[in-house]
Amino acid sequence: PTVLDLVKGVKERIYPVGRLDYDTSGLIILTNDGD
């Protein structure tokens, strides 16, 4: 399972900013802003 499986109903193509390990929890930002 990926973090995108948790974000439902967003029509834009988004992606996570940086990484969090598989066994680490917490804050992650998802966006479509490459800059």
PDB file of all heavy atoms in Angstrom:
ATOM      1  N   PRO A   1       0.832  -1.209   0.000  1.00  0.00           N
ATOM      2  CA  PRO A   1       0.000   0.000   0.000  1.00  0.00           C
ATOM      3  C   PRO A   1       0.860   1.249   0.000  1.00  0.00           C
ATOM      4  O   PRO A   1       1.906   1.290   0.654  1.00  0.00           O
ATOM      5  CB  PRO A   1      -0.819  -0.123   1.288  1.00  0.00           C
ATOM      6  CG  PRO A   1      -0.076  -1.081   2.151  1.00  0.00           C
ATOM      7  CD  PRO A   1       0.632  -2.017   1.223  1.00  0.00           C
ATOM      8  N   THR A   2       0.430   2.268  -0.744  1.00  0.00           N
ATOM      9  CA  THR A   2       1.162   3.530  -0.811  1.00  0.00           C
ATOM     10  C   THR A   2       0.359   4.633  -0.139  1.00  0.00           C
ATOM     11  O   THR A   2      -0.840   4.483   0.122  1.00  0.00           O
ATOM     12  CB  THR A   2       1.445   3.937  -2.270  1.00  0.00           C
ATOM     13  OG1 THR A   2       0.257   4.494  -2.848  1.00  0.00           O
ATOM     14  CG2 THR A   2       1.911   2.743  -3.107  1.00  0.00           C
ATOM     15  N   VAL A   3       1.016   5.763   0.107  1.00  0.00           N
ATOM     16  CA  VAL A   3       0.330   6.878   0.753  1.00  0.00           C
ATOM     17  C   VAL A   3      -0.832   7.387  -0.093  1.00  0.00           C
ATOM     18  O   VAL A   3      -1.817   7.912   0.448  1.00  0.00           O
ATOM     19  CB  VAL A   3       1.306   8.030   1.053  1.00  0.00           C
ATOM     20  CG1 VAL A   3       2.249   7.654   2.176  1.00  0.00           C
ATOM     21  CG2 VAL A   3       2.086   8.457  -0.190  1.00  0.00           C
ATOM     22  N   LEU A   4      -0.750   7.208  -1.409  1.00  0.00           N
ATOM     23  CA  LEU A   4      -1.854   7.673  -2.263  1.00  0.00           C
ATOM     24  C   LEU A   4      -3.117   6.848  -2.056  1.00  0.00           C
ATOM     25  O   LEU A   4      -4.221   7.321  -2.361  1.00  0.00           O
ATOM     26  CB  LEU A   4      -1.437   7.643  -3.731  1.00  0.00           C
ATOM     27  CG  LEU A   4      -0.380   8.674  -4.139  1.00  0.00           C
ATOM     28  CD1 LEU A   4      -0.102   8.605  -5.629  1.00  0.00           C
ATOM     29  CD2 LEU A   4      -0.794  10.083  -3.749  1.00  0.00           C
ATOM     30  N   ASP A   5      -2.988   5.625  -1.547  1.00  0.00           N
ATOM     31  CA  ASP A   5      -4.165   4.812  -1.241  1.00  0.00           C
ATOM     32  C   ASP A   5      -5.000   5.432  -0.122  1.00  0.00           C
ATOM     33  O   ASP A   5      -6.189   5.109   0.023  1.00  0.00           O
ATOM     34  CB  ASP A   5      -3.744   3.394  -0.829  1.00  0.00           C
ATOM     35  CG  ASP A   5      -3.103   2.628  -1.969  1.00  0.00           C
ATOM     36  OD1 ASP A   5      -3.495   2.854  -3.137  1.00  0.00           O
ATOM     37  OD2 ASP A   5      -2.199   1.807  -1.711  1.00  0.00           O
ATOM     38  N   LEU A   6      -4.389   6.308   0.655  1.00  0.00           N
ATOM     39  CA  LEU A   6      -5.086   6.934   1.783  1.00  0.00           C
ATOM     40  C   LEU A   6      -5.784   8.228   1.401  1.00  0.00           C
ATOM     41  O   LEU A   6      -6.601   8.746   2.165  1.00  0.00           O
ATOM     42  CB  LEU A   6      -4.085   7.229   2.911  1.00  0.00           C
ATOM     43  CG  LEU A   6      -3.412   6.009   3.547  1.00  0.00           C
ATOM     44  CD1 LEU A   6      -2.228   6.449   4.399  1.00  0.00           C
ATOM     45  CD2 LEU A   6      -4.412   5.229   4.381  1.00  0.00           C
ATOM     46  N   VAL A   7      -5.443   8.775   0.231  1.00  0.00           N
ATOM     47  CA  VAL A   7      -5.977  10.075  -0.187  1.00  0.00           C
ATOM     48  C   VAL A   7      -7.004   9.852  -1.294  1.00  0.00           C
ATOM     49  O   VAL A   7      -6.660   9.634  -2.450  1.00  0.00           O
ATOM     50  CB  VAL A   7      -4.849  11.009  -0.663  1.00  0.00           C
ATOM     51  CG1 VAL A   7      -5.407  12.376  -1.039  1.00  0.00           C
ATOM     52  CG2 VAL A   7      -3.784  11.166   0.422  1.00  0.00           C
ATOM     53  N   LYS A   8      -8.261   9.888  -0.933  1.00  0.00           N
ATOM     54  CA  LYS A   8      -9.346   9.611  -1.879  1.00  0.00           C
ATOM     55  C   LYS A   8     -10.045  10.906  -2.286  1.00  0.00           C
ATOM     56  O   LYS A   8     -10.119  11.858  -1.516  1.00  0.00           O
ATOM     57  CB  LYS A   8     -10.378   8.663  -1.246  1.00  0.00           C
ATOM     58  CG  LYS A   8      -9.795   7.361  -0.704  1.00  0.00           C
ATOM     59  CD  LYS A   8      -9.227   6.482  -1.801  1.00  0.00           C
ATOM     60  CE  LYS A   8      -8.764   5.140  -1.250  1.00  0.00           C
ATOM     61  NZ  LYS A   8      -8.154   4.292  -2.280  1.00  0.00           N
ATOM     62  N   GLY A   9     -10.531  10.930  -3.506  1.00  0.00           N
ATOM     63  CA  GLY A   9     -11.347  12.044  -3.963  1.00  0.00           C
ATOM     64  C   GLY A   9     -10.581  13.245  -4.480  1.00  0.00           C
ATOM     65  O   GLY A   9     -11.179  14.306  -4.685  1.00  0.00           O
ATOM     66  N   VAL A  10      -9.270  13.101  -4.698  1.00  0.00           N
ATOM     67  CA  VAL A  10      -8.468  14.196  -5.246  1.00  0.00           C
ATOM     68  C   VAL A  10      -8.245  13.902  -6.728  1.00  0.00           C
ATOM     69  O   VAL A  10      -7.603  12.912  -7.079  1.00  0.00           O
ATOM     70  CB  VAL A  10      -7.115  14.316  -4.514  1.00  0.00           C
ATOM     71  CG1 VAL A  10      -6.272  15.429  -5.133  1.00  0.00           C
ATOM     72  CG2 VAL A  10      -7.344  14.576  -3.024  1.00  0.00           C
ATOM     73  N   LYS A  11      -8.773  14.739  -7.608  1.00  0.00           N
ATOM     74  CA  LYS A  11      -8.714  14.457  -9.040  1.00  0.00           C
ATOM     75  C   LYS A  11      -7.361  14.795  -9.656  1.00  0.00           C
ATOM     76  O   LYS A  11      -6.977  14.233 -10.679  1.00  0.00           O
ATOM     77  CB  LYS A  11      -9.820  15.212  -9.789  1.00  0.00           C
ATOM     78  CG  LYS A  11      -9.716  16.726  -9.702  1.00  0.00           C
ATOM     79  CD  LYS A  11     -10.864  17.399 -10.449  1.00  0.00           C
ATOM     80  CE  LYS A  11     -10.751  18.919 -10.381  1.00  0.00           C
ATOM     81  NZ  LYS A  11     -11.845  19.595 -11.106  1.00  0.00           N
ATOM     82  N   GLU A  12      -6.627  15.741  -9.041  1.00  0.00           N
ATOM     83  CA  GLU A  12      -5.318  16.102  -9.570  1.00  0.00           C
ATOM     84  C   GLU A  12      -4.306  14.979  -9.328  1.00  0.00           C
ATOM     85  O   GLU A  12      -4.429  14.212  -8.372  1.00  0.00           O
ATOM     86  CB  GLU A  12      -4.795  17.395  -8.915  1.00  0.00           C
ATOM     87  CG  GLU A  12      -5.561  18.637  -9.304  1.00  0.00           C
ATOM     88  CD  GLU A  12      -6.816  18.848  -8.479  1.00  0.00           C
ATOM     89  OE1 GLU A  12      -7.066  18.042  -7.549  1.00  0.00           O
ATOM     90  OE2 GLU A  12      -7.562  19.806  -8.750  1.00  0.00           O
ATOM     91  N   ARG A  13      -3.313  14.919 -10.196  1.00  0.00           N
ATOM     92  CA  ARG A  13      -2.253  13.930 -10.047  1.00  0.00           C
ATOM     93  C   ARG A  13      -1.229  14.465  -9.045  1.00  0.00           C
ATOM     94  O   ARG A  13      -0.476  15.385  -9.331  1.00  0.00           O
ATOM     95  CB  ARG A  13      -1.578  13.683 -11.398  1.00  0.00           C
ATOM     96  CG  ARG A  13      -0.430  12.678 -11.349  1.00  0.00           C
ATOM     97  CD  ARG A  13       0.251  12.595 -12.703  1.00  0.00           C
ATOM     98  NE  ARG A  13       1.486  11.847 -12.634  1.00  0.00           N
ATOM     99  CZ  ARG A  13       2.578  12.143 -13.303  1.00  0.00           C
ATOM    100  NH1 ARG A  13       2.598  13.206 -14.094  1.00  0.00           N
ATOM    101  NH2 ARG A  13       3.659  11.399 -13.204  1.00  0.00           N
ATOM    102  N   ILE A  14      -1.231  13.926  -7.838  1.00  0.00           N
ATOM    103  CA  ILE A  14      -0.335  14.394  -6.786  1.00  0.00           C
ATOM    104  C   ILE A  14       0.717  13.329  -6.478  1.00  0.00           C
ATOM    105  O   ILE A  14       0.594  12.177  -6.901  1.00  0.00           O
ATOM    106  CB  ILE A  14      -1.113  14.753  -5.505  1.00  0.00           C
ATOM    107  CG1 ILE A  14      -1.932  13.542  -5.021  1.00  0.00           C
ATOM    108  CG2 ILE A  14      -2.018  15.958  -5.743  1.00  0.00           C
ATOM    109  CD1 ILE A  14      -2.619  13.771  -3.685  1.00  0.00           C
ATOM    110  N   TYR A  15       1.734  13.741  -5.754  1.00  0.00           N
ATOM    111  CA  TYR A  15       2.827  12.833  -5.402  1.00  0.00           C
ATOM    112  C   TYR A  15       3.401  13.299  -4.065  1.00  0.00           C
ATOM    113  O   TYR A  15       3.274  14.469  -3.672  1.00  0.00           O
ATOM    114  CB  TYR A  15       3.913  12.836  -6.484  1.00  0.00           C
ATOM    115  CG  TYR A  15       4.273  14.213  -6.948  1.00  0.00           C
ATOM    116  CD1 TYR A  15       5.203  14.981  -6.264  1.00  0.00           C
ATOM    117  CD2 TYR A  15       3.634  14.800  -8.046  1.00  0.00           C
ATOM    118  CE1 TYR A  15       5.517  16.265  -6.664  1.00  0.00           C
ATOM    119  CE2 TYR A  15       3.940  16.090  -8.457  1.00  0.00           C
ATOM    120  CZ  TYR A  15       4.887  16.818  -7.757  1.00  0.00           C
ATOM    121  OH  TYR A  15       5.180  18.098  -8.155  1.00  0.00           O
ATOM    122  N   PRO A  16       4.044  12.388  -3.324  1.00  0.00           N
ATOM    123  CA  PRO A  16       4.600  12.771  -2.021  1.00  0.00           C
ATOM    124  C   PRO A  16       5.875  13.582  -2.167  1.00  0.00           C
ATOM    125  O   PRO A  16       6.654  13.393  -3.100  1.00  0.00           O
ATOM    126  CB  PRO A  16       4.883  11.414  -1.350  1.00  0.00           C
ATOM    127  CG  PRO A  16       5.018  10.443  -2.484  1.00  0.00           C
ATOM    128  CD  PRO A  16       4.142  10.938  -3.584  1.00  0.00           C
ATOM    129  N   VAL A  17       6.077  14.488  -1.215  1.00  0.00           N
ATOM    130  CA  VAL A  17       7.287  15.308  -1.166  1.00  0.00           C
ATOM    131  C   VAL A  17       8.274  14.622  -0.223  1.00  0.00           C
ATOM    132  O   VAL A  17       8.031  14.540   0.980  1.00  0.00           O
ATOM    133  CB  VAL A  17       6.981  16.729  -0.667  1.00  0.00           C
ATOM    134  CG1 VAL A  17       8.264  17.544  -0.567  1.00  0.00           C
ATOM    135  CG2 VAL A  17       5.967  17.408  -1.584  1.00  0.00           C
ATOM    136  N   GLY A  18       9.364  14.122  -0.762  1.00  0.00           N
ATOM    137  CA  GLY A  18      10.323  13.401   0.067  1.00  0.00           C
ATOM    138  C   GLY A  18       9.794  12.028   0.441  1.00  0.00           C
ATOM    139  O   GLY A  18       8.842  11.522  -0.165  1.00  0.00           O
ATOM    140  N   ARG A  19      10.396  11.440   1.458  1.00  0.00           N
ATOM    141  CA  ARG A  19      10.049  10.073   1.843  1.00  0.00           C
ATOM    142  C   ARG A  19       9.940   9.933   3.348  1.00  0.00           C
ATOM    143  O   ARG A  19      10.581  10.654   4.099  1.00  0.00           O
ATOM    144  CB  ARG A  19      11.135   9.108   1.359  1.00  0.00           C
ATOM    145  CG  ARG A  19      11.316   9.098  -0.160  1.00  0.00           C
ATOM    146  CD  ARG A  19      10.817   7.810  -0.747  1.00  0.00           C
ATOM    147  NE  ARG A  19      10.892   7.822  -2.193  1.00  0.00           N
ATOM    148  CZ  ARG A  19      11.219   6.770  -2.918  1.00  0.00           C
ATOM    149  NH1 ARG A  19      11.530   5.632  -2.331  1.00  0.00           N
ATOM    150  NH2 ARG A  19      11.215   6.823  -4.231  1.00  0.00           N
ATOM    151  N   LEU A  20       9.104   8.983   3.751  1.00  0.00           N
ATOM    152  CA  LEU A  20       9.110   8.454   5.105  1.00  0.00           C
ATOM    153  C   LEU A  20       9.237   6.944   4.976  1.00  0.00           C
ATOM    154  O   LEU A  20       8.567   6.330   4.126  1.00  0.00           O
ATOM    155  CB  LEU A  20       7.813   8.797   5.854  1.00  0.00           C
ATOM    156  CG  LEU A  20       7.708  10.158   6.534  1.00  0.00           C
ATOM    157  CD1 LEU A  20       6.380  10.269   7.267  1.00  0.00           C
ATOM    158  CD2 LEU A  20       8.852  10.391   7.503  1.00  0.00           C
ATOM    159  N   ASP A  21      10.072   6.340   5.809  1.00  0.00           N
ATOM    160  CA  ASP A  21      10.273   4.895   5.727  1.00  0.00           C
ATOM    161  C   ASP A  21       8.952   4.136   5.901  1.00  0.00           C
ATOM    162  O   ASP A  21       8.008   4.630   6.520  1.00  0.00           O
ATOM    163  CB  ASP A  21      11.238   4.436   6.826  1.00  0.00           C
ATOM    164  CG  ASP A  21      12.600   5.096   6.711  1.00  0.00           C
ATOM    165  OD1 ASP A  21      12.974   5.460   5.586  1.00  0.00           O
ATOM    166  OD2 ASP A  21      13.268   5.245   7.751  1.00  0.00           O
ATOM    167  N   TYR A  22       8.940   2.923   5.394  1.00  0.00           N
ATOM    168  CA  TYR A  22       7.783   2.033   5.500  1.00  0.00           C
ATOM    169  C   TYR A  22       7.309   1.896   6.942  1.00  0.00           C
ATOM    170  O   TYR A  22       6.107   1.909   7.225  1.00  0.00           O
ATOM    171  CB  TYR A  22       8.179   0.665   4.930  1.00  0.00           C
ATOM    172  CG  TYR A  22       7.100  -0.379   4.933  1.00  0.00           C
ATOM    173  CD1 TYR A  22       6.087  -0.372   3.978  1.00  0.00           C
ATOM    174  CD2 TYR A  22       7.110  -1.413   5.877  1.00  0.00           C
ATOM    175  CE1 TYR A  22       5.099  -1.351   3.963  1.00  0.00           C
ATOM    176  CE2 TYR A  22       6.132  -2.396   5.868  1.00  0.00           C
ATOM    177  CZ  TYR A  22       5.123  -2.356   4.912  1.00  0.00           C
ATOM    178  OH  TYR A  22       4.150  -3.329   4.901  1.00  0.00           O
ATOM    179  N   ASP A  23       8.275   1.807   7.881  1.00  0.00           N
ATOM    180  CA  ASP A  23       7.920   1.592   9.289  1.00  0.00           C
ATOM    181  C   ASP A  23       7.967   2.874  10.120  1.00  0.00           C
ATOM    182  O   ASP A  23       8.012   2.834  11.349  1.00  0.00           O
ATOM    183  CB  ASP A  23       8.832   0.524   9.906  1.00  0.00           C
ATOM    184  CG  ASP A  23      10.311   0.773   9.604  1.00  0.00           C
ATOM    185  OD1 ASP A  23      10.611   1.742   8.902  1.00  0.00           O
ATOM    186  OD2 ASP A  23      11.152  -0.020  10.067  1.00  0.00           O
ATOM    187  N   THR A  24       7.943   4.032   9.450  1.00  0.00           N
ATOM    188  CA  THR A  24       7.886   5.323  10.135  1.00  0.00           C
ATOM    189  C   THR A  24       6.554   5.994   9.841  1.00  0.00           C
ATOM    190  O   THR A  24       6.051   5.922   8.722  1.00  0.00           O
ATOM    191  CB  THR A  24       9.040   6.238   9.663  1.00  0.00           C
ATOM    192  OG1 THR A  24      10.285   5.629  10.013  1.00  0.00           O
ATOM    193  CG2 THR A  24       8.967   7.607  10.326  1.00  0.00           C
ATOM    194  N   SER A  25       5.996   6.640  10.847  1.00  0.00           N
ATOM    195  CA  SER A  25       4.711   7.326  10.671  1.00  0.00           C
ATOM    196  C   SER A  25       4.925   8.830  10.684  1.00  0.00           C
ATOM    197  O   SER A  25       6.022   9.322  10.916  1.00  0.00           O
ATOM    198  CB  SER A  25       3.737   6.921  11.788  1.00  0.00           C
ATOM    199  OG  SER A  25       4.212   7.383  13.038  1.00  0.00           O
ATOM    200  N   GLY A  26       3.828   9.573  10.415  1.00  0.00           N
ATOM    201  CA  GLY A  26       3.874  11.009  10.608  1.00  0.00           C
ATOM    202  C   GLY A  26       3.646  11.849   9.378  1.00  0.00           C
ATOM    203  O   GLY A  26       3.097  11.404   8.368  1.00  0.00           O
ATOM    204  N   LEU A  27       4.091  13.100   9.471  1.00  0.00           N
ATOM    205  CA  LEU A  27       3.740  14.146   8.515  1.00  0.00           C
ATOM    206  C   LEU A  27       4.426  13.945   7.167  1.00  0.00           C
ATOM    207  O   LEU A  27       5.644  13.826   7.085  1.00  0.00           O
ATOM    208  CB  LEU A  27       4.128  15.510   9.103  1.00  0.00           C
ATOM    209  CG  LEU A  27       3.620  16.775   8.397  1.00  0.00           C
ATOM    210  CD1 LEU A  27       3.607  17.939   9.395  1.00  0.00           C
ATOM    211  CD2 LEU A  27       4.449  17.159   7.195  1.00  0.00           C
ATOM    212  N   ILE A  28       3.616  13.916   6.134  1.00  0.00           N
ATOM    213  CA  ILE A  28       4.109  13.903   4.760  1.00  0.00           C
ATOM    214  C   ILE A  28       3.241  14.870   3.953  1.00  0.00           C
ATOM    215  O   ILE A  28       2.030  14.958   4.169  1.00  0.00           O
ATOM    216  CB  ILE A  28       4.086  12.481   4.148  1.00  0.00           C
ATOM    217  CG1 ILE A  28       4.847  12.452   2.822  1.00  0.00           C
ATOM    218  CG2 ILE A  28       2.690  11.957   3.989  1.00  0.00           C
ATOM    219  CD1 ILE A  28       6.316  12.278   2.963  1.00  0.00           C
ATOM    220  N   ILE A  29       3.876  15.633   3.057  1.00  0.00           N
ATOM    221  CA  ILE A  29       3.158  16.563   2.191  1.00  0.00           C
ATOM    222  C   ILE A  29       2.975  15.910   0.826  1.00  0.00           C
ATOM    223  O   ILE A  29       3.889  15.270   0.299  1.00  0.00           O
ATOM    224  CB  ILE A  29       3.934  17.885   2.025  1.00  0.00           C
ATOM    225  CG1 ILE A  29       4.144  18.559   3.389  1.00  0.00           C
ATOM    226  CG2 ILE A  29       3.206  18.829   1.061  1.00  0.00           C
ATOM    227  CD1 ILE A  29       2.878  18.978   4.080  1.00  0.00           C
ATOM    228  N   LEU A  30       1.786  16.055   0.243  1.00  0.00           N
ATOM    229  CA  LEU A  30       1.523  15.611  -1.116  1.00  0.00           C
ATOM    230  C   LEU A  30       1.073  16.811  -1.935  1.00  0.00           C
ATOM    231  O   LEU A  30       0.295  17.645  -1.444  1.00  0.00           O
ATOM    232  CB  LEU A  30       0.451  14.517  -1.149  1.00  0.00           C
ATOM    233  CG  LEU A  30       0.819  13.239  -0.388  1.00  0.00           C
ATOM    234  CD1 LEU A  30       0.078  13.190   0.935  1.00  0.00           C
ATOM    235  CD2 LEU A  30       0.495  11.996  -1.204  1.00  0.00           C
ATOM    236  N   THR A  31       1.554  16.911  -3.175  1.00  0.00           N
ATOM    237  CA  THR A  31       1.271  18.092  -3.980  1.00  0.00           C
ATOM    238  C   THR A  31       1.466  17.779  -5.454  1.00  0.00           C
ATOM    239  O   THR A  31       1.928  16.693  -5.812  1.00  0.00           O
ATOM    240  CB  THR A  31       2.196  19.256  -3.555  1.00  0.00           C
ATOM    241  OG1 THR A  31       1.821  20.445  -4.252  1.00  0.00           O
ATOM    242  CG2 THR A  31       3.643  18.942  -3.867  1.00  0.00           C
ATOM    243  N   ASN A  32       1.122  18.740  -6.306  1.00  0.00           N
ATOM    244  CA  ASN A  32       1.472  18.685  -7.727  1.00  0.00           C
ATOM    245  C   ASN A  32       2.346  19.882  -8.101  1.00  0.00           C
ATOM    246  O   ASN A  32       2.486  20.209  -9.268  1.00  0.00           O
ATOM    247  CB  ASN A  32       0.208  18.643  -8.600  1.00  0.00           C
ATOM    248  CG  ASN A  32      -0.724  19.824  -8.345  1.00  0.00           C
ATOM    249  OD1 ASN A  32      -0.498  20.626  -7.433  1.00  0.00           O
ATOM    250  ND2 ASN A  32      -1.776  19.939  -9.129  1.00  0.00           N
ATOM    251  N   ASP A  33       2.926  20.514  -7.087  1.00  0.00           N
ATOM    252  CA  ASP A  33       3.760  21.702  -7.271  1.00  0.00           C
ATOM    253  C   ASP A  33       5.233  21.285  -7.305  1.00  0.00           C
ATOM    254  O   ASP A  33       5.852  21.078  -6.257  1.00  0.00           O
ATOM    255  CB  ASP A  33       3.495  22.685  -6.126  1.00  0.00           C
ATOM    256  CG  ASP A  33       4.189  24.031  -6.326  1.00  0.00           C
ATOM    257  OD1 ASP A  33       5.177  24.073  -7.077  1.00  0.00           O
ATOM    258  OD2 ASP A  33       3.737  25.023  -5.728  1.00  0.00           O
ATOM    259  N   GLY A  34       5.790  21.169  -8.500  1.00  0.00           N
ATOM    260  CA  GLY A  34       7.167  20.737  -8.643  1.00  0.00           C
ATOM    261  C   GLY A  34       8.166  21.714  -8.067  1.00  0.00           C
ATOM    262  O   GLY A  34       9.196  21.315  -7.513  1.00  0.00           O
ATOM    263  N   ASP A  35       7.876  23.003  -8.173  1.00  0.00           N
ATOM    264  CA  ASP A  35       8.781  24.023  -7.651  1.00  0.00           C
ATOM    265  C   ASP A  35       8.879  23.912  -6.132  1.00  0.00           C
ATOM    266  O   ASP A  35       9.973  23.919  -5.560  1.00  0.00           O
ATOM    267  CB  ASP A  35       8.272  25.407  -8.064  1.00  0.00           C
ATOM    268  CG  ASP A  35       9.207  26.531  -7.638  1.00  0.00           C
ATOM    269  OD1 ASP A  35      10.406  26.248  -7.458  1.00  0.00           O
ATOM    270  OD2 ASP A  35       8.746  27.670  -7.494  1.00  0.00           O
TER     271      ASP A  35
END
